[in-house]
PDB file of N, CA and C in Angstrom:
ATOM      1  N   UNK A   1      83.214 111.828 114.905  1.00  0.00           N
ATOM      2  CA  UNK A   1      82.594 113.335 114.744  1.00  0.00           C
ATOM      3  C   UNK A   1      82.068 114.226 115.574  1.00  0.00           C
ATOM      4  N   UNK A   2      81.433 113.820 116.144  1.00  0.00           N
ATOM      5  CA  UNK A   2      81.100 114.667 117.605  1.00  0.00           C
ATOM      6  C   UNK A   2      81.806 115.507 118.662  1.00  0.00           C
ATOM      7  N   UNK A   3      83.685 114.582 118.550  1.00  0.00           N
ATOM      8  CA  UNK A   3      83.792 115.135 119.163  1.00  0.00           C
ATOM      9  C   UNK A   3      85.744 116.266 118.883  1.00  0.00           C
ATOM     10  N   UNK A   4      85.854 116.785 120.200  1.00  0.00           N
ATOM     11  CA  UNK A   4      86.646 117.596 119.733  1.00  0.00           C
ATOM     12  C   UNK A   4      86.815 118.851 119.050  1.00  0.00           C
ATOM     13  N   UNK A   5      88.054 118.774 117.384  1.00  0.00           N
ATOM     14  CA  UNK A   5      87.653 120.011 116.426  1.00  0.00           C
ATOM     15  C   UNK A   5      86.781 119.292 115.267  1.00  0.00           C
ATOM     16  N   UNK A   6      86.708 118.342 115.219  1.00  0.00           N
ATOM     17  CA  UNK A   6      85.835 117.830 114.007  1.00  0.00           C
ATOM     18  C   UNK A   6      84.416 118.004 113.952  1.00  0.00           C
ATOM     19  N   UNK A   7      83.199 118.159 114.722  1.00  0.00           N
ATOM     20  CA  UNK A   7      82.091 118.640 115.463  1.00  0.00           C
ATOM     21  C   UNK A   7      81.532 119.282 113.594  1.00  0.00           C
ATOM     22  N   UNK A   8      82.207 120.529 113.681  1.00  0.00           N
ATOM     23  CA  UNK A   8      81.031 121.311 112.182  1.00  0.00           C
ATOM     24  C   UNK A   8      81.960 121.197 110.887  1.00  0.00           C
ATOM     25  N   UNK A   9      83.044 119.700 110.490  1.00  0.00           N
ATOM     26  CA  UNK A   9      82.996 119.225 109.479  1.00  0.00           C
ATOM     27  C   UNK A   9      82.160 118.171 109.336  1.00  0.00           C
ATOM     28  N   UNK A  10      81.425 118.157 110.059  1.00  0.00           N
ATOM     29  CA  UNK A  10      80.205 117.258 109.742  1.00  0.00           C
ATOM     30  C   UNK A  10      79.401 117.525 109.950  1.00  0.00           C
ATOM     31  N   UNK A  11      78.689 118.816 110.561  1.00  0.00           N
ATOM     32  CA  UNK A  11      76.961 118.633 110.127  1.00  0.00           C
ATOM     33  C   UNK A  11      76.743 118.307 108.717  1.00  0.00           C
ATOM     34  N   UNK A  12      75.239 118.137 109.198  1.00  0.00           N
ATOM     35  CA  UNK A  12      74.775 118.084 107.061  1.00  0.00           C
ATOM     36  C   UNK A  12      75.434 116.117 107.059  1.00  0.00           C
ATOM     37  N   UNK A  13      76.448 115.945 107.115  1.00  0.00           N
ATOM     38  CA  UNK A  13      76.579 114.953 106.445  1.00  0.00           C
ATOM     39  C   UNK A  13      75.611 114.049 106.500  1.00  0.00           C
ATOM     40  N   UNK A  14      75.609 113.438 105.057  1.00  0.00           N
ATOM     41  CA  UNK A  14      74.089 111.891 105.191  1.00  0.00           C
ATOM     42  C   UNK A  14      75.002 110.704 105.004  1.00  0.00           C
ATOM     43  N   UNK A  15      74.840 110.220 105.158  1.00  0.00           N
ATOM     44  CA  UNK A  15      75.616 108.405 105.040  1.00  0.00           C
ATOM     45  C   UNK A  15      75.244 108.173 103.553  1.00  0.00           C
ATOM     46  N   UNK A  16      76.384 107.752 102.944  1.00  0.00           N
ATOM     47  CA  UNK A  16      76.933 107.835 101.529  1.00  0.00           C
ATOM     48  C   UNK A  16      76.596 106.354 100.996  1.00  0.00           C
ATOM     49  N   UNK A  17      76.374 105.357 101.629  1.00  0.00           N
ATOM     50  CA  UNK A  17      76.221 103.450 101.695  1.00  0.00           C
ATOM     51  C   UNK A  17      74.874 103.771 101.567  1.00  0.00           C
ATOM     52  N   UNK A  18      74.761 102.518 100.786  1.00  0.00           N
ATOM     53  CA  UNK A  18      73.024 101.730 100.921  1.00  0.00           C
ATOM     54  C   UNK A  18      73.746 100.288 101.108  1.00  0.00           C
ATOM     55  N   UNK A  19      73.523  99.681 102.897  1.00  0.00           N
ATOM     56  CA  UNK A  19      73.576  98.328 102.967  1.00  0.00           C
ATOM     57  C   UNK A  19      72.258  97.251 101.962  1.00  0.00           C
ATOM     58  N   UNK A  20      72.241  96.904 101.260  1.00  0.00           N
ATOM     59  CA  UNK A  20      70.938  96.324 101.000  1.00  0.00           C
ATOM     60  C   UNK A  20      70.858  95.097 101.654  1.00  0.00           C
ATOM     61  N   UNK A  21      69.878  94.569 101.941  1.00  0.00           N
ATOM     62  CA  UNK A  21      70.541  92.573 102.703  1.00  0.00           C
ATOM     63  C   UNK A  21      69.821  92.063 101.609  1.00  0.00           C
ATOM     64  N   UNK A  22      70.645  90.849 101.645  1.00  0.00           N
ATOM     65  CA  UNK A  22      71.053  89.942 100.613  1.00  0.00           C
ATOM     66  C   UNK A  22      69.729  90.164  99.977  1.00  0.00           C
ATOM     67  N   UNK A  23      68.685  89.171 100.593  1.00  0.00           N
ATOM     68  CA  UNK A  23      67.118  89.719  99.912  1.00  0.00           C
ATOM     69  C   UNK A  23      66.564  90.520  99.247  1.00  0.00           C
ATOM     70  N   UNK A  24      66.963  91.403  99.343  1.00  0.00           N
ATOM     71  CA  UNK A  24      66.200  93.196  98.860  1.00  0.00           C
ATOM     72  C   UNK A  24      67.446  92.545  96.791  1.00  0.00           C
ATOM     73  N   UNK A  25      68.797  92.834  97.864  1.00  0.00           N
ATOM     74  CA  UNK A  25      70.083  92.738  96.091  1.00  0.00           C
ATOM     75  C   UNK A  25      69.182  91.032  95.258  1.00  0.00           C
ATOM     76  N   UNK A  26      69.167  90.532  95.627  1.00  0.00           N
ATOM     77  CA  UNK A  26      68.695  89.027  94.683  1.00  0.00           C
ATOM     78  C   UNK A  26      67.335  89.964  93.988  1.00  0.00           C
ATOM     79  N   UNK A  27      66.542  90.436  94.976  1.00  0.00           N
ATOM     80  CA  UNK A  27      64.874  90.999  93.793  1.00  0.00           C
ATOM     81  C   UNK A  27      65.495  92.067  93.003  1.00  0.00           C
ATOM     82  N   UNK A  28      66.438  92.985  93.521  1.00  0.00           N
ATOM     83  CA  UNK A  28      66.977  93.726  92.015  1.00  0.00           C
ATOM     84  C   UNK A  28      67.266  93.403  90.848  1.00  0.00           C
ATOM     85  N   UNK A  29      67.747  93.041  90.966  1.00  0.00           N
ATOM     86  CA  UNK A  29      68.918  92.000  90.731  1.00  0.00           C
ATOM     87  C   UNK A  29      68.175  91.652  89.186  1.00  0.00           C
ATOM     88  N   UNK A  30      67.358  90.291  89.905  1.00  0.00           N
ATOM     89  CA  UNK A  30      65.898  89.907  89.205  1.00  0.00           C
ATOM     90  C   UNK A  30      65.184  91.060  88.234  1.00  0.00           C
ATOM     91  N   UNK A  31      64.453  91.996  89.454  1.00  0.00           N
ATOM     92  CA  UNK A  31      64.133  92.735  88.559  1.00  0.00           C
ATOM     93  C   UNK A  31      64.744  93.520  87.161  1.00  0.00           C
ATOM     94  N   UNK A  32      66.602  93.248  86.923  1.00  0.00           N
ATOM     95  CA  UNK A  32      67.138  94.095  86.106  1.00  0.00           C
ATOM     96  C   UNK A  32      67.802  93.302  85.350  1.00  0.00           C
ATOM     97  N   UNK A  33      67.210  91.906  85.070  1.00  0.00           N
ATOM     98  CA  UNK A  33      66.996  90.733  84.071  1.00  0.00           C
ATOM     99  C   UNK A  33      67.661  89.730  84.901  1.00  0.00           C
ATOM    100  N   UNK A  34      68.160  89.569  85.376  1.00  0.00           N
ATOM    101  CA  UNK A  34      69.468  88.684  85.888  1.00  0.00           C
ATOM    102  C   UNK A  34      68.911  87.550  86.063  1.00  0.00           C
ATOM    103  N   UNK A  35      69.311  86.051  86.010  1.00  0.00           N
ATOM    104  CA  UNK A  35      68.531  85.283  86.329  1.00  0.00           C
ATOM    105  C   UNK A  35      69.626  84.237  86.924  1.00  0.00           C
ATOM    106  N   UNK A  36      69.224  83.222  87.764  1.00  0.00           N
ATOM    107  CA  UNK A  36      70.022  82.096  88.247  1.00  0.00           C
ATOM    108  C   UNK A  36      71.159  83.403  89.185  1.00  0.00           C
ATOM    109  N   UNK A  37      70.469  84.545  90.220  1.00  0.00           N
ATOM    110  CA  UNK A  37      70.527  84.836  91.282  1.00  0.00           C
ATOM    111  C   UNK A  37      71.045  84.160  92.947  1.00  0.00           C
ATOM    112  N   UNK A  38      71.735  84.375  93.021  1.00  0.00           N
ATOM    113  CA  UNK A  38      73.091  83.863  94.300  1.00  0.00           C
ATOM    114  C   UNK A  38      72.991  84.747  95.574  1.00  0.00           C
ATOM    115  N   UNK A  39      73.073  85.409  96.498  1.00  0.00           N
ATOM    116  CA  UNK A  39      73.299  86.306  97.354  1.00  0.00           C
ATOM    117  C   UNK A  39      73.089  85.149  98.862  1.00  0.00           C
ATOM    118  N   UNK A  40      74.020  85.623  99.246  1.00  0.00           N
ATOM    119  CA  UNK A  40      74.569  85.571 100.961  1.00  0.00           C
ATOM    120  C   UNK A  40      75.674  85.421 101.805  1.00  0.00           C
ATOM    121  N   UNK A  41      75.553  86.556 102.738  1.00  0.00           N
ATOM    122  CA  UNK A  41      76.587  87.133 102.823  1.00  0.00           C
ATOM    123  C   UNK A  41      77.008  86.336 104.249  1.00  0.00           C
ATOM    124  N   UNK A  42      77.882  87.245 104.259  1.00  0.00           N
ATOM    125  CA  UNK A  42      79.549  86.523 105.395  1.00  0.00           C
ATOM    126  C   UNK A  42      80.314  86.904 105.891  1.00  0.00           C
ATOM    127  N   UNK A  43      80.587  86.820 107.552  1.00  0.00           N
ATOM    128  CA  UNK A  43      81.762  87.825 108.110  1.00  0.00           C
ATOM    129  C   UNK A  43      81.972  87.936 107.879  1.00  0.00           C
ATOM    130  N   UNK A  44      83.601  88.132 107.680  1.00  0.00           N
ATOM    131  CA  UNK A  44      84.785  88.847 107.562  1.00  0.00           C
ATOM    132  C   UNK A  44      85.586  89.715 108.026  1.00  0.00           C
ATOM    133  N   UNK A  45      85.933  89.220 109.049  1.00  0.00           N
ATOM    134  CA  UNK A  45      86.496  90.976 110.197  1.00  0.00           C
ATOM    135  C   UNK A  45      87.930  90.393 108.866  1.00  0.00           C
ATOM    136  N   UNK A  46      88.522  91.893 109.838  1.00  0.00           N
ATOM    137  CA  UNK A  46      89.810  92.156 108.606  1.00  0.00           C
ATOM    138  C   UNK A  46      91.511  92.382 109.824  1.00  0.00           C
ATOM    139  N   UNK A  47      91.599  91.733 110.227  1.00  0.00           N
ATOM    140  CA  UNK A  47      92.696  91.601 111.159  1.00  0.00           C
ATOM    141  C   UNK A  47      93.813  92.454 110.606  1.00  0.00           C
ATOM    142  N   UNK A  48      94.633  93.320 111.490  1.00  0.00           N
ATOM    143  CA  UNK A  48      95.733  94.360 111.066  1.00  0.00           C
ATOM    144  C   UNK A  48      96.322  93.864 112.511  1.00  0.00           C
ATOM    145  N   UNK A  49      97.556  94.659 112.124  1.00  0.00           N
ATOM    146  CA  UNK A  49      99.483  93.579 112.624  1.00  0.00           C
ATOM    147  C   UNK A  49      99.715  95.249 113.481  1.00  0.00           C
ATOM    148  N   UNK A  50      99.010  96.315 113.314  1.00  0.00           N
ATOM    149  CA  UNK A  50      99.760  97.356 113.422  1.00  0.00           C
ATOM    150  C   UNK A  50      98.236  98.980 113.650  1.00  0.00           C
ATOM    151  N   UNK A  51      98.619  99.430 114.105  1.00  0.00           N
ATOM    152  CA  UNK A  51      97.925 100.992 114.279  1.00  0.00           C
ATOM    153  C   UNK A  51      98.228 101.039 112.979  1.00  0.00           C
ATOM    154  N   UNK A  52      99.471 101.201 112.049  1.00  0.00           N
ATOM    155  CA  UNK A  52      99.910 102.236 111.271  1.00  0.00           C
ATOM    156  C   UNK A  52      99.123 101.532 110.273  1.00  0.00           C
ATOM    157  N   UNK A  53      98.948 100.404 109.610  1.00  0.00           N
ATOM    158  CA  UNK A  53      98.024  99.715 108.896  1.00  0.00           C
ATOM    159  C   UNK A  53      96.693 100.119 108.871  1.00  0.00           C
ATOM    160  N   UNK A  54      96.239  99.378 110.498  1.00  0.00           N
ATOM    161  CA  UNK A  54      94.584 100.092 110.695  1.00  0.00           C
ATOM    162  C   UNK A  54      93.925 101.375 109.572  1.00  0.00           C
ATOM    163  N   UNK A  55      94.901 102.181 110.617  1.00  0.00           N
ATOM    164  CA  UNK A  55      94.842 104.332 110.125  1.00  0.00           C
ATOM    165  C   UNK A  55      95.136 103.907 108.505  1.00  0.00           C
ATOM    166  N   UNK A  56      95.933 103.220 107.891  1.00  0.00           N
ATOM    167  CA  UNK A  56      96.162 103.376 106.684  1.00  0.00           C
ATOM    168  C   UNK A  56      94.388 102.666 105.783  1.00  0.00           C
ATOM    169  N   UNK A  57      94.380 101.588 106.380  1.00  0.00           N
ATOM    170  CA  UNK A  57      93.422 101.278 105.848  1.00  0.00           C
ATOM    171  C   UNK A  57      91.970 101.642 105.818  1.00  0.00           C
ATOM    172  N   UNK A  58      91.708 102.211 107.129  1.00  0.00           N
ATOM    173  CA  UNK A  58      90.598 103.370 107.660  1.00  0.00           C
ATOM    174  C   UNK A  58      90.747 104.533 106.346  1.00  0.00           C
ATOM    175  N   UNK A  59      91.863 105.486 106.129  1.00  0.00           N
ATOM    176  CA  UNK A  59      91.715 106.077 105.070  1.00  0.00           C
ATOM    177  C   UNK A  59      90.992 105.877 103.637  1.00  0.00           C
ATOM    178  N   UNK A  60      91.642 104.479 103.742  1.00  0.00           N
ATOM    179  CA  UNK A  60      91.642 104.385 102.223  1.00  0.00           C
ATOM    180  C   UNK A  60      90.666 103.976 101.743  1.00  0.00           C
ATOM    181  N   UNK A  61      90.009 102.568 102.807  1.00  0.00           N
ATOM    182  CA  UNK A  61      88.510 102.440 101.901  1.00  0.00           C
ATOM    183  C   UNK A  61      87.692 102.434 102.993  1.00  0.00           C
ATOM    184  N   UNK A  62      87.494 102.615 104.439  1.00  0.00           N
ATOM    185  CA  UNK A  62      86.365 103.328 105.262  1.00  0.00           C
ATOM    186  C   UNK A  62      85.633 104.573 105.210  1.00  0.00           C
ATOM    187  N   UNK A  63      86.761 105.211 105.439  1.00  0.00           N
ATOM    188  CA  UNK A  63      87.315 106.677 106.147  1.00  0.00           C
ATOM    189  C   UNK A  63      86.364 107.703 105.079  1.00  0.00           C
ATOM    190  N   UNK A  64      87.014 107.256 103.602  1.00  0.00           N
ATOM    191  CA  UNK A  64      86.834 108.121 102.642  1.00  0.00           C
ATOM    192  C   UNK A  64      86.269 109.424 102.063  1.00  0.00           C
ATOM    193  N   UNK A  65      84.372 109.023 102.380  1.00  0.00           N
ATOM    194  CA  UNK A  65      83.540 110.037 102.778  1.00  0.00           C
ATOM    195  C   UNK A  65      83.562 111.112 103.234  1.00  0.00           C
ATOM    196  N   UNK A  66      84.158 110.320 104.871  1.00  0.00           N
ATOM    197  CA  UNK A  66      84.408 111.570 106.159  1.00  0.00           C
ATOM    198  C   UNK A  66      85.440 112.262 105.496  1.00  0.00           C
ATOM    199  N   UNK A  67      87.396 111.748 104.941  1.00  0.00           N
ATOM    200  CA  UNK A  67      88.257 112.391 105.276  1.00  0.00           C
ATOM    201  C   UNK A  67      87.402 113.490 104.184  1.00  0.00           C
ATOM    202  N   UNK A  68      87.147 113.912 103.213  1.00  0.00           N
ATOM    203  CA  UNK A  68      86.957 114.195 102.002  1.00  0.00           C
ATOM    204  C   UNK A  68      86.083 116.550 103.022  1.00  0.00           C
ATOM    205  N   UNK A  69      85.811 115.977 103.737  1.00  0.00           N
ATOM    206  CA  UNK A  69      85.374 116.608 104.588  1.00  0.00           C
ATOM    207  C   UNK A  69      86.105 117.750 105.085  1.00  0.00           C
ATOM    208  N   UNK A  70      87.041 117.144 105.740  1.00  0.00           N
ATOM    209  CA  UNK A  70      88.114 117.586 106.616  1.00  0.00           C
ATOM    210  C   UNK A  70      89.189 118.214 105.693  1.00  0.00           C
ATOM    211  N   UNK A  71      89.939 119.293 106.049  1.00  0.00           N
ATOM    212  CA  UNK A  71      90.846 119.569 105.521  1.00  0.00           C
ATOM    213  C   UNK A  71      92.202 118.357 105.791  1.00  0.00           C
ATOM    214  N   UNK A  72      92.836 118.878 104.804  1.00  0.00           N
ATOM    215  CA  UNK A  72      94.210 118.107 104.899  1.00  0.00           C
ATOM    216  C   UNK A  72      95.806 117.779 105.635  1.00  0.00           C
ATOM    217  N   UNK A  73      95.991 118.599 106.580  1.00  0.00           N
ATOM    218  CA  UNK A  73      95.681 118.743 107.427  1.00  0.00           C
ATOM    219  C   UNK A  73      95.290 117.883 108.672  1.00  0.00           C
ATOM    220  N   UNK A  74      94.148 117.415 108.456  1.00  0.00           N
ATOM    221  CA  UNK A  74      93.242 116.503 109.053  1.00  0.00           C
ATOM    222  C   UNK A  74      93.380 115.576 109.429  1.00  0.00           C
ATOM    223  N   UNK A  75      93.361 115.153 108.427  1.00  0.00           N
ATOM    224  CA  UNK A  75      92.881 113.805 108.106  1.00  0.00           C
ATOM    225  C   UNK A  75      93.205 112.513 108.604  1.00  0.00           C
ATOM    226  N   UNK A  76      94.997 112.045 108.700  1.00  0.00           N
ATOM    227  CA  UNK A  76      95.550 111.302 109.656  1.00  0.00           C
ATOM    228  C   UNK A  76      95.072 111.564 110.999  1.00  0.00           C
ATOM    229  N   UNK A  77      95.611 112.683 111.461  1.00  0.00           N
ATOM    230  CA  UNK A  77      94.878 112.742 112.770  1.00  0.00           C
ATOM    231  C   UNK A  77      92.978 111.818 113.389  1.00  0.00           C
ATOM    232  N   UNK A  78      92.715 112.419 111.955  1.00  0.00           N
ATOM    233  CA  UNK A  78      90.971 111.824 112.188  1.00  0.00           C
ATOM    234  C   UNK A  78      91.603 110.231 112.172  1.00  0.00           C
ATOM    235  N   UNK A  79      91.952 109.733 111.185  1.00  0.00           N
ATOM    236  CA  UNK A  79      91.950 108.367 110.860  1.00  0.00           C
ATOM    237  C   UNK A  79      92.886 107.589 112.060  1.00  0.00           C
ATOM    238  N   UNK A  80      93.495 108.104 112.536  1.00  0.00           N
ATOM    239  CA  UNK A  80      94.543 107.695 113.571  1.00  0.00           C
ATOM    240  C   UNK A  80      93.740 107.825 115.096  1.00  0.00           C
ATOM    241  N   UNK A  81      92.735 108.579 114.793  1.00  0.00           N
ATOM    242  CA  UNK A  81      91.779 108.497 115.936  1.00  0.00           C
ATOM    243  C   UNK A  81      90.513 107.340 115.979  1.00  0.00           C
ATOM    244  N   UNK A  82      90.137 107.493 115.174  1.00  0.00           N
ATOM    245  CA  UNK A  82      89.058 106.163 114.742  1.00  0.00           C
ATOM    246  C   UNK A  82      89.834 104.691 114.993  1.00  0.00           C
ATOM    247  N   UNK A  83      91.189 104.268 113.922  1.00  0.00           N
ATOM    248  CA  UNK A  83      91.884 103.437 114.379  1.00  0.00           C
ATOM    249  C   UNK A  83      91.867 103.265 116.162  1.00  0.00           C
ATOM    250  N   UNK A  84      92.434 104.245 117.401  1.00  0.00           N
ATOM    251  CA  UNK A  84      92.284 103.977 118.583  1.00  0.00           C
ATOM    252  C   UNK A  84      91.535 103.552 119.207  1.00  0.00           C
ATOM    253  N   UNK A  85      90.075 103.899 118.400  1.00  0.00           N
ATOM    254  CA  UNK A  85      88.891 103.517 119.271  1.00  0.00           C
ATOM    255  C   UNK A  85      88.401 101.921 119.108  1.00  0.00           C
ATOM    256  N   UNK A  86      88.827 101.666 117.609  1.00  0.00           N
ATOM    257  CA  UNK A  86      88.462 100.431 117.344  1.00  0.00           C
ATOM    258  C   UNK A  86      89.937  99.750 118.154  1.00  0.00           C
ATOM    259  N   UNK A  87      90.847  99.901 118.554  1.00  0.00           N
ATOM    260  CA  UNK A  87      91.677  99.168 119.376  1.00  0.00           C
ATOM    261  C   UNK A  87      91.700  98.977 120.700  1.00  0.00           C
ATOM    262  N   UNK A  88      90.912 100.224 120.763  1.00  0.00           N
ATOM    263  CA  UNK A  88      90.617 100.139 121.932  1.00  0.00           C
ATOM    264  C   UNK A  88      89.100  98.918 122.844  1.00  0.00           C
ATOM    265  N   UNK A  89      88.937  97.990 121.489  1.00  0.00           N
ATOM    266  CA  UNK A  89      88.232  96.894 122.105  1.00  0.00           C
ATOM    267  C   UNK A  89      89.415  95.588 121.675  1.00  0.00           C
ATOM    268  N   UNK A  90      90.528  95.949 121.787  1.00  0.00           N
ATOM    269  CA  UNK A  90      91.658  94.170 122.691  1.00  0.00           C
ATOM    270  C   UNK A  90      91.825  93.856 121.180  1.00  0.00           C
ATOM    271  N   UNK A  91      91.589  94.194 119.643  1.00  0.00           N
ATOM    272  CA  UNK A  91      92.491  93.592 118.638  1.00  0.00           C
ATOM    273  C   UNK A  91      92.210  95.250 117.789  1.00  0.00           C
ATOM    274  N   UNK A  92      93.141  95.120 116.889  1.00  0.00           N
ATOM    275  CA  UNK A  92      93.024  95.097 115.453  1.00  0.00           C
ATOM    276  C   UNK A  92      92.159  94.752 114.664  1.00  0.00           C
ATOM    277  N   UNK A  93      91.047  95.434 115.089  1.00  0.00           N
ATOM    278  CA  UNK A  93      90.125  94.473 113.688  1.00  0.00           C
ATOM    279  C   UNK A  93      88.900  95.468 112.930  1.00  0.00           C
ATOM    280  N   UNK A  94      88.594  94.968 112.011  1.00  0.00           N
ATOM    281  CA  UNK A  94      87.985  96.330 111.175  1.00  0.00           C
ATOM    282  C   UNK A  94      86.202  95.043 111.009  1.00  0.00           C
ATOM    283  N   UNK A  95      84.981  95.238 111.415  1.00  0.00           N
ATOM    284  CA  UNK A  95      84.168  94.189 111.403  1.00  0.00           C
ATOM    285  C   UNK A  95      83.556  93.769 109.656  1.00  0.00           C
ATOM    286  N   UNK A  96      83.382  93.420 109.017  1.00  0.00           N
ATOM    287  CA  UNK A  96      82.825  93.660 107.690  1.00  0.00           C
ATOM    288  C   UNK A  96      82.076  92.039 108.122  1.00  0.00           C
ATOM    289  N   UNK A  97      80.635  92.531 106.930  1.00  0.00           N
ATOM    290  CA  UNK A  97      80.095  91.427 106.670  1.00  0.00           C
ATOM    291  C   UNK A  97      79.468  91.839 105.179  1.00  0.00           C
ATOM    292  N   UNK A  98      79.841  90.991 104.946  1.00  0.00           N
ATOM    293  CA  UNK A  98      80.684  91.022 102.707  1.00  0.00           C
ATOM    294  C   UNK A  98      79.147  90.115 102.616  1.00  0.00           C
ATOM    295  N   UNK A  99      78.223  90.928 101.576  1.00  0.00           N
ATOM    296  CA  UNK A  99      77.431  90.696 100.432  1.00  0.00           C
ATOM    297  C   UNK A  99      77.925  90.063  99.277  1.00  0.00           C
ATOM    298  N   UNK A 100      77.722  88.131  99.453  1.00  0.00           N
ATOM    299  CA  UNK A 100      78.746  88.206  97.829  1.00  0.00           C
ATOM    300  C   UNK A 100      77.035  87.655  96.733  1.00  0.00           C
ATOM    301  N   UNK A 101      77.703  87.938  95.275  1.00  0.00           N
ATOM    302  CA  UNK A 101      76.388  87.771  94.678  1.00  0.00           C
ATOM    303  C   UNK A 101      77.453  86.907  93.487  1.00  0.00           C
ATOM    304  N   UNK A 102      76.606  86.178  93.198  1.00  0.00           N
ATOM    305  CA  UNK A 102      76.415  85.538  91.696  1.00  0.00           C
ATOM    306  C   UNK A 102      75.047  84.873  91.243  1.00  0.00           C
ATOM    307  N   UNK A 103      75.762  85.624  89.794  1.00  0.00           N
ATOM    308  CA  UNK A 103      74.168  86.270  88.718  1.00  0.00           C
ATOM    309  C   UNK A 103      74.595  85.827  87.362  1.00  0.00           C
ATOM    310  N   UNK A 104      73.783  85.564  86.518  1.00  0.00           N
ATOM    311  CA  UNK A 104      73.963  86.256  84.942  1.00  0.00           C
ATOM    312  C   UNK A 104      73.096  86.782  84.344  1.00  0.00           C
ATOM    313  N   UNK A 105      73.729  87.282  83.660  1.00  0.00           N
ATOM    314  CA  UNK A 105      72.637  88.643  82.622  1.00  0.00           C
ATOM    315  C   UNK A 105      71.814  87.309  81.865  1.00  0.00           C
ATOM    316  N   UNK A 106      70.711  87.375  81.734  1.00  0.00           N
ATOM    317  CA  UNK A 106      69.790  86.522  80.426  1.00  0.00           C
ATOM    318  C   UNK A 106      69.658  87.196  79.358  1.00  0.00           C
ATOM    319  N   UNK A 107      70.062  86.690  78.532  1.00  0.00           N
ATOM    320  CA  UNK A 107      70.738  87.178  77.022  1.00  0.00           C
ATOM    321  C   UNK A 107      68.367  87.303  76.226  1.00  0.00           C
ATOM    322  N   UNK A 108      68.988  88.021  75.535  1.00  0.00           N
ATOM    323  CA  UNK A 108      67.182  87.951  74.654  1.00  0.00           C
ATOM    324  C   UNK A 108      67.942  88.307  72.853  1.00  0.00           C
ATOM    325  N   UNK A 109      67.226  87.325  72.597  1.00  0.00           N
ATOM    326  CA  UNK A 109      67.268  87.388  70.899  1.00  0.00           C
ATOM    327  C   UNK A 109      66.674  88.557  70.149  1.00  0.00           C
TER     328      UNK A 109
END
């Protein structure tokens, strides 16, 4: 975002995500009336077979908020640059830490 022709597109960008911890999520669900709440984190690195596959995944799943700020003509290029940066680590992998949730909605009569 901070290199080449991209910085002007990302001025004022706010992070749209809220990655709450498992403990925080459990407390929020219980406060909302859920019972038997179980939350846990699981590492789920996601491997890709090609740069094109990785770039397509990034465009579709990860970079949506960023791509909205770019002209259509720049989106493919931006996703390709991000994919190339990830590939510099030696593998085509996106590191995920997944929050899992099991809970039952308490029924009131």
